[in-house]
Amino acid sequence: MDSDGPLDLGVDPGTIRSFEDYQAVWRRLSGVRARMIEKNEQCRHSIGDSFDYANHYDKPAGICTALHHVFQLYLWRVSVGFPSWEDDSTVYKIHCPDKKGTVWELIRIVPSEDGNHQQGPDLPKD
């Protein structure tokens, strides 16, 4: 990321003046994929498990409620492309709320021109 230039997320809250404006912004948001990359103790999820969020209000079936709660803090950032603190600023590495727990990657899923999805780094293709 170029720290000298402006950060353009493509969302200008000042242009949202109606519910229709809000819906137009909403339709432009990207989905997010969460994938477990590290497991440090017992958990019902396994390394490689993934959950796709169509939007940040959804709760994918089968995801742990506590983990979903933590993800909600970051889903909006990921879906608009806000850079993370990681070396690869397109990836957020998030720890579940358990003391030892699991580590997950949150990566933006961007629709490609052919209607399929371009995946973030190191994600299997659909």
C-alpha atoms as a PDB file:
ATOM      1  CA  MET A   1       0.000   0.000   0.000  1.00  0.00           C
ATOM      2  CA  ASP A   2       1.236   3.457  -0.877  1.00  0.00           C
ATOM      3  CA  SER A   3       1.190   5.314   2.442  1.00  0.00           C
ATOM      4  CA  ASP A   4       1.853   8.630   0.693  1.00  0.00           C
ATOM      5  CA  GLY A   5      -1.284   8.567  -1.460  1.00  0.00           C
ATOM      6  CA  PRO A   6      -4.926   8.872  -0.489  1.00  0.00           C
ATOM      7  CA  LEU A   7      -6.890   5.750   0.369  1.00  0.00           C
ATOM      8  CA  ASP A   8      -9.965   5.438  -1.859  1.00  0.00           C
ATOM      9  CA  LEU A   9     -12.425   2.787  -0.695  1.00  0.00           C
ATOM     10  CA  GLY A  10     -15.047   3.735  -3.255  1.00  0.00           C
ATOM     11  CA  VAL A  11     -17.594   4.557  -0.547  1.00  0.00           C
ATOM     12  CA  ASP A  12     -18.482   8.183   0.124  1.00  0.00           C
ATOM     13  CA  PRO A  13     -20.936   8.348   3.051  1.00  0.00           C
ATOM     14  CA  GLY A  14     -21.788  11.910   2.047  1.00  0.00           C
ATOM     15  CA  THR A  15     -23.523  10.622  -1.084  1.00  0.00           C
ATOM     16  CA  ILE A  16     -25.932   8.390   0.848  1.00  0.00           C
ATOM     17  CA  ARG A  17     -29.057  10.492   1.212  1.00  0.00           C
ATOM     18  CA  SER A  18     -31.773   7.876   0.804  1.00  0.00           C
ATOM     19  CA  PHE A  19     -32.435   4.184   1.246  1.00  0.00           C
ATOM     20  CA  GLU A  20     -31.954   3.751  -2.517  1.00  0.00           C
ATOM     21  CA  ASP A  21     -28.497   5.361  -2.263  1.00  0.00           C
ATOM     22  CA  TYR A  22     -27.653   2.993   0.595  1.00  0.00           C
ATOM     23  CA  GLN A  23     -28.807   0.003  -1.469  1.00  0.00           C
ATOM     24  CA  ALA A  24     -26.649   1.137  -4.399  1.00  0.00           C
ATOM     25  CA  VAL A  25     -23.573   1.219  -2.143  1.00  0.00           C
ATOM     26  CA  TRP A  26     -24.567  -2.117  -0.629  1.00  0.00           C
ATOM     27  CA  ARG A  27     -24.715  -3.801  -4.073  1.00  0.00           C
ATOM     28  CA  ARG A  28     -21.106  -2.758  -4.752  1.00  0.00           C
ATOM     29  CA  LEU A  29     -19.694  -4.387  -1.600  1.00  0.00           C
ATOM     30  CA  SER A  30     -17.663  -7.553  -2.042  1.00  0.00           C
ATOM     31  CA  GLY A  31     -18.203 -10.847  -0.302  1.00  0.00           C
ATOM     32  CA  VAL A  32     -15.718 -12.138   2.265  1.00  0.00           C
ATOM     33  CA  ARG A  33     -14.260 -15.600   2.758  1.00  0.00           C
ATOM     34  CA  ALA A  34     -13.081 -16.735   6.192  1.00  0.00           C
ATOM     35  CA  ARG A  35     -10.729 -19.725   6.242  1.00  0.00           C
ATOM     36  CA  MET A  36      -9.114 -21.416   9.249  1.00  0.00           C
ATOM     37  CA  ILE A  37      -5.320 -21.468   8.943  1.00  0.00           C
ATOM     38  CA  GLU A  38      -4.249 -22.422  12.477  1.00  0.00           C
ATOM     39  CA  LYS A  39      -5.745 -24.564  15.250  1.00  0.00           C
ATOM     40  CA  ASN A  40      -4.153 -24.484  18.711  1.00  0.00           C
ATOM     41  CA  GLU A  41      -6.634 -26.569  20.718  1.00  0.00           C
ATOM     42  CA  GLN A  42      -9.974 -28.333  20.475  1.00  0.00           C
ATOM     43  CA  CYS A  43     -12.479 -26.680  18.141  1.00  0.00           C
ATOM     44  CA  ARG A  44     -15.392 -28.013  16.117  1.00  0.00           C
ATOM     45  CA  HIS A  45     -13.910 -26.401  13.013  1.00  0.00           C
ATOM     46  CA  SER A  46     -10.895 -27.840  11.163  1.00  0.00           C
ATOM     47  CA  ILE A  47      -7.936 -26.289   9.368  1.00  0.00           C
ATOM     48  CA  GLY A  48      -9.064 -25.421   5.864  1.00  0.00           C
ATOM     49  CA  ASP A  49     -12.716 -24.932   6.819  1.00  0.00           C
ATOM     50  CA  SER A  50     -14.127 -21.837   5.184  1.00  0.00           C
ATOM     51  CA  PHE A  51     -17.249 -19.728   5.340  1.00  0.00           C
ATOM     52  CA  ASP A  52     -18.403 -17.237   2.733  1.00  0.00           C
ATOM     53  CA  TYR A  53     -20.174 -14.035   3.693  1.00  0.00           C
ATOM     54  CA  ALA A  54     -22.313 -12.547   0.933  1.00  0.00           C
ATOM     55  CA  ASN A  55     -22.454  -9.420   3.090  1.00  0.00           C
ATOM     56  CA  HIS A  56     -21.442  -8.449   6.594  1.00  0.00           C
ATOM     57  CA  TYR A  57     -24.949  -8.930   8.011  1.00  0.00           C
ATOM     58  CA  ASP A  58     -25.095 -12.618   7.052  1.00  0.00           C
ATOM     59  CA  LYS A  59     -24.137 -15.416   9.423  1.00  0.00           C
ATOM     60  CA  PRO A  60     -23.031 -18.457   7.413  1.00  0.00           C
ATOM     61  CA  ALA A  61     -24.605 -21.737   8.508  1.00  0.00           C
ATOM     62  CA  GLY A  62     -22.427 -23.757  10.863  1.00  0.00           C
ATOM     63  CA  ILE A  63     -20.069 -21.005  12.017  1.00  0.00           C
ATOM     64  CA  CYS A  64     -19.404 -20.698  15.751  1.00  0.00           C
ATOM     65  CA  THR A  65     -21.382 -17.773  17.172  1.00  0.00           C
ATOM     66  CA  ALA A  66     -18.408 -16.411  19.145  1.00  0.00           C
ATOM     67  CA  LEU A  67     -16.187 -16.514  16.050  1.00  0.00           C
ATOM     68  CA  HIS A  68     -18.866 -14.828  13.950  1.00  0.00           C
ATOM     69  CA  HIS A  69     -19.101 -12.056  16.559  1.00  0.00           C
ATOM     70  CA  VAL A  70     -15.355 -11.365  16.229  1.00  0.00           C
ATOM     71  CA  PHE A  71     -15.573 -11.415  12.420  1.00  0.00           C
ATOM     72  CA  GLN A  72     -18.311  -8.777  12.506  1.00  0.00           C
ATOM     73  CA  LEU A  73     -15.714  -6.274  13.698  1.00  0.00           C
ATOM     74  CA  TYR A  74     -13.763  -6.701  10.433  1.00  0.00           C
ATOM     75  CA  LEU A  75     -16.208  -7.798   7.701  1.00  0.00           C
ATOM     76  CA  TRP A  76     -17.059  -4.272   6.573  1.00  0.00           C
ATOM     77  CA  ARG A  77     -13.366  -3.349   6.319  1.00  0.00           C
ATOM     78  CA  VAL A  78     -12.572  -6.437   4.276  1.00  0.00           C
ATOM     79  CA  SER A  79     -15.573  -6.018   1.944  1.00  0.00           C
ATOM     80  CA  VAL A  80     -14.588  -2.446   0.976  1.00  0.00           C
ATOM     81  CA  GLY A  81     -10.894  -3.330   0.629  1.00  0.00           C
ATOM     82  CA  PHE A  82      -9.555  -1.411   3.643  1.00  0.00           C
ATOM     83  CA  PRO A  83      -5.904  -2.506   4.080  1.00  0.00           C
ATOM     84  CA  SER A  84      -5.003  -4.725   7.027  1.00  0.00           C
ATOM     85  CA  TRP A  85      -1.949  -4.542   9.273  1.00  0.00           C
ATOM     86  CA  GLU A  86      -0.475  -7.748   7.766  1.00  0.00           C
ATOM     87  CA  ASP A  87       2.485  -7.820   5.368  1.00  0.00           C
ATOM     88  CA  ASP A  88      -0.096  -8.711   2.716  1.00  0.00           C
ATOM     89  CA  SER A  89      -2.550  -5.878   3.336  1.00  0.00           C
ATOM     90  CA  THR A  90      -5.355  -7.741   1.508  1.00  0.00           C
ATOM     91  CA  VAL A  91      -5.498 -10.411   4.232  1.00  0.00           C
ATOM     92  CA  TYR A  92      -6.776 -10.032   7.793  1.00  0.00           C
ATOM     93  CA  LYS A  93      -5.602 -12.700  10.251  1.00  0.00           C
ATOM     94  CA  ILE A  94      -8.112 -12.883  13.074  1.00  0.00           C
ATOM     95  CA  HIS A  95      -7.922 -14.961  16.274  1.00  0.00           C
ATOM     96  CA  CYS A  96     -11.066 -16.532  17.676  1.00  0.00           C
ATOM     97  CA  PRO A  97     -12.058 -15.328  21.166  1.00  0.00           C
ATOM     98  CA  ASP A  98     -10.811 -18.506  22.881  1.00  0.00           C
ATOM     99  CA  LYS A  99      -7.563 -18.093  24.856  1.00  0.00           C
ATOM    100  CA  LYS A 100      -5.577 -20.496  22.613  1.00  0.00           C
ATOM    101  CA  GLY A 101      -8.139 -21.068  19.896  1.00  0.00           C
ATOM    102  CA  THR A 102      -7.865 -20.732  16.149  1.00  0.00           C
ATOM    103  CA  VAL A 103      -6.590 -18.238  13.575  1.00  0.00           C
ATOM    104  CA  TRP A 104      -8.590 -17.362  10.487  1.00  0.00           C
ATOM    105  CA  GLU A 105      -7.899 -15.388   7.324  1.00  0.00           C
ATOM    106  CA  LEU A 106     -10.524 -12.955   6.108  1.00  0.00           C
ATOM    107  CA  ILE A 107     -10.144 -12.212   2.415  1.00  0.00           C
ATOM    108  CA  ARG A 108     -12.266 -10.156   0.047  1.00  0.00           C
ATOM    109  CA  ILE A 109     -14.006 -12.079  -2.751  1.00  0.00           C
ATOM    110  CA  VAL A 110     -14.180  -9.834  -5.799  1.00  0.00           C
ATOM    111  CA  PRO A 111     -16.509 -10.664  -8.722  1.00  0.00           C
ATOM    112  CA  SER A 112     -14.628 -10.975 -11.993  1.00  0.00           C
ATOM    113  CA  GLU A 113     -15.854  -9.743 -15.362  1.00  0.00           C
ATOM    114  CA  ASP A 114     -17.048 -13.248 -16.351  1.00  0.00           C
ATOM    115  CA  GLY A 115     -19.349 -13.423 -13.322  1.00  0.00           C
ATOM    116  CA  ASN A 116     -17.174 -15.865 -11.387  1.00  0.00           C
ATOM    117  CA  HIS A 117     -15.192 -14.833  -8.331  1.00  0.00           C
ATOM    118  CA  GLN A 118     -11.568 -13.888  -8.100  1.00  0.00           C
ATOM    119  CA  GLN A 119     -10.270 -15.280  -4.850  1.00  0.00           C
ATOM    120  CA  GLY A 120      -7.889 -13.632  -2.457  1.00  0.00           C
ATOM    121  CA  PRO A 121      -4.345 -14.980  -2.070  1.00  0.00           C
ATOM    122  CA  ASP A 122      -3.932 -18.673  -1.205  1.00  0.00           C
ATOM    123  CA  LEU A 123      -7.643 -19.460  -1.495  1.00  0.00           C
ATOM    124  CA  PRO A 124      -8.867 -22.414  -3.522  1.00  0.00           C
ATOM    125  CA  LYS A 125     -10.851 -21.466  -6.608  1.00  0.00           C
ATOM    126  CA  ASP A 126     -14.616 -22.105  -6.618  1.00  0.00           C
END
